[in-house]
Amino acid sequence: MLTGEVEYWWKGTSQMLIDRGMVVDWVCFKRAFLEKYFPESVRHAREAEFMRLQ
């Protein structure tokens, strides 16, 4: 269950997606969530950091 800021973000985002005729399912949620809260640039940086661990 989402609470706080994320809850409000998802309510707005899901409504926008529905208004655009998109199917809102788990895959859609996961994609939107990662783009918002864990962008690709951060994921790449974390991956590079992990690869440098010894």
C-alpha atoms as a PDB file:
ATOM      1  CA  MET A   1       0.000   0.000   0.000  1.00  0.00           C
ATOM      2  CA  LEU A   2       1.343   3.400  -0.947  1.00  0.00           C
ATOM      3  CA  THR A   3       1.322   6.244   1.554  1.00  0.00           C
ATOM      4  CA  GLY A   4       2.287   9.887   1.693  1.00  0.00           C
ATOM      5  CA  GLU A   5       3.905  11.544  -1.305  1.00  0.00           C
ATOM      6  CA  VAL A   6       4.061   8.334  -3.332  1.00  0.00           C
ATOM      7  CA  GLU A   7       0.342   7.746  -2.887  1.00  0.00           C
ATOM      8  CA  TYR A   8      -0.495  11.215  -4.218  1.00  0.00           C
ATOM      9  CA  TRP A   9       2.026  10.841  -7.051  1.00  0.00           C
ATOM     10  CA  TRP A  10       0.536   7.495  -8.122  1.00  0.00           C
ATOM     11  CA  LYS A  11      -3.057   8.700  -7.977  1.00  0.00           C
ATOM     12  CA  GLY A  12      -2.205  11.553 -10.348  1.00  0.00           C
ATOM     13  CA  THR A  13       0.049   9.483 -12.582  1.00  0.00           C
ATOM     14  CA  SER A  14      -2.362   6.569 -12.904  1.00  0.00           C
ATOM     15  CA  GLN A  15      -5.248   8.895 -13.732  1.00  0.00           C
ATOM     16  CA  MET A  16      -3.142  10.594 -16.411  1.00  0.00           C
ATOM     17  CA  LEU A  17      -2.261   7.205 -17.931  1.00  0.00           C
ATOM     18  CA  ILE A  18      -5.898   6.069 -17.866  1.00  0.00           C
ATOM     19  CA  ASP A  19      -6.959   9.329 -19.533  1.00  0.00           C
ATOM     20  CA  ARG A  20      -4.444   8.566 -22.298  1.00  0.00           C
ATOM     21  CA  GLY A  21      -6.051   5.167 -22.831  1.00  0.00           C
ATOM     22  CA  MET A  22      -3.190   3.157 -21.371  1.00  0.00           C
ATOM     23  CA  VAL A  23      -3.643  -0.060 -19.428  1.00  0.00           C
ATOM     24  CA  VAL A  24      -2.467   0.511 -15.875  1.00  0.00           C
ATOM     25  CA  ASP A  25      -1.043  -2.726 -14.511  1.00  0.00           C
ATOM     26  CA  TRP A  26       1.963  -3.851 -12.472  1.00  0.00           C
ATOM     27  CA  VAL A  27       4.372  -3.438 -15.394  1.00  0.00           C
ATOM     28  CA  CYS A  28       3.111   0.094 -15.987  1.00  0.00           C
ATOM     29  CA  PHE A  29       3.395   0.950 -12.288  1.00  0.00           C
ATOM     30  CA  LYS A  30       6.907  -0.470 -12.014  1.00  0.00           C
ATOM     31  CA  ARG A  31       8.119   1.446 -15.071  1.00  0.00           C
ATOM     32  CA  ALA A  32       6.635   4.741 -13.880  1.00  0.00           C
ATOM     33  CA  PHE A  33       7.893   4.230 -10.316  1.00  0.00           C
ATOM     34  CA  LEU A  34      11.453   3.468 -11.388  1.00  0.00           C
ATOM     35  CA  GLU A  35      11.534   6.428 -13.778  1.00  0.00           C
ATOM     36  CA  LYS A  36      10.345   8.740 -11.002  1.00  0.00           C
ATOM     37  CA  TYR A  37      12.231   7.437  -7.963  1.00  0.00           C
ATOM     38  CA  PHE A  38      15.206   5.476  -9.351  1.00  0.00           C
ATOM     39  CA  PRO A  39      16.113   6.941 -12.761  1.00  0.00           C
ATOM     40  CA  GLU A  40      18.292   5.083 -15.229  1.00  0.00           C
ATOM     41  CA  SER A  41      21.268   7.389 -14.610  1.00  0.00           C
ATOM     42  CA  VAL A  42      21.231   6.462 -10.916  1.00  0.00           C
ATOM     43  CA  ARG A  43      20.839   2.761 -11.712  1.00  0.00           C
ATOM     44  CA  HIS A  44      23.887   2.896 -14.003  1.00  0.00           C
ATOM     45  CA  ALA A  45      25.911   4.742 -11.373  1.00  0.00           C
ATOM     46  CA  ARG A  46      24.976   2.155  -8.725  1.00  0.00           C
ATOM     47  CA  GLU A  47      25.821  -0.677 -11.112  1.00  0.00           C
ATOM     48  CA  ALA A  48      29.245   0.833 -11.830  1.00  0.00           C
ATOM     49  CA  GLU A  49      29.819   1.353  -8.105  1.00  0.00           C
ATOM     50  CA  PHE A  50      28.899  -2.278  -7.441  1.00  0.00           C
ATOM     51  CA  MET A  51      31.280  -3.515 -10.137  1.00  0.00           C
ATOM     52  CA  ARG A  52      34.162  -1.598  -8.506  1.00  0.00           C
ATOM     53  CA  LEU A  53      33.653  -3.273  -5.112  1.00  0.00           C
ATOM     54  CA  GLN A  54      36.414  -5.622  -4.090  1.00  0.00           C
END
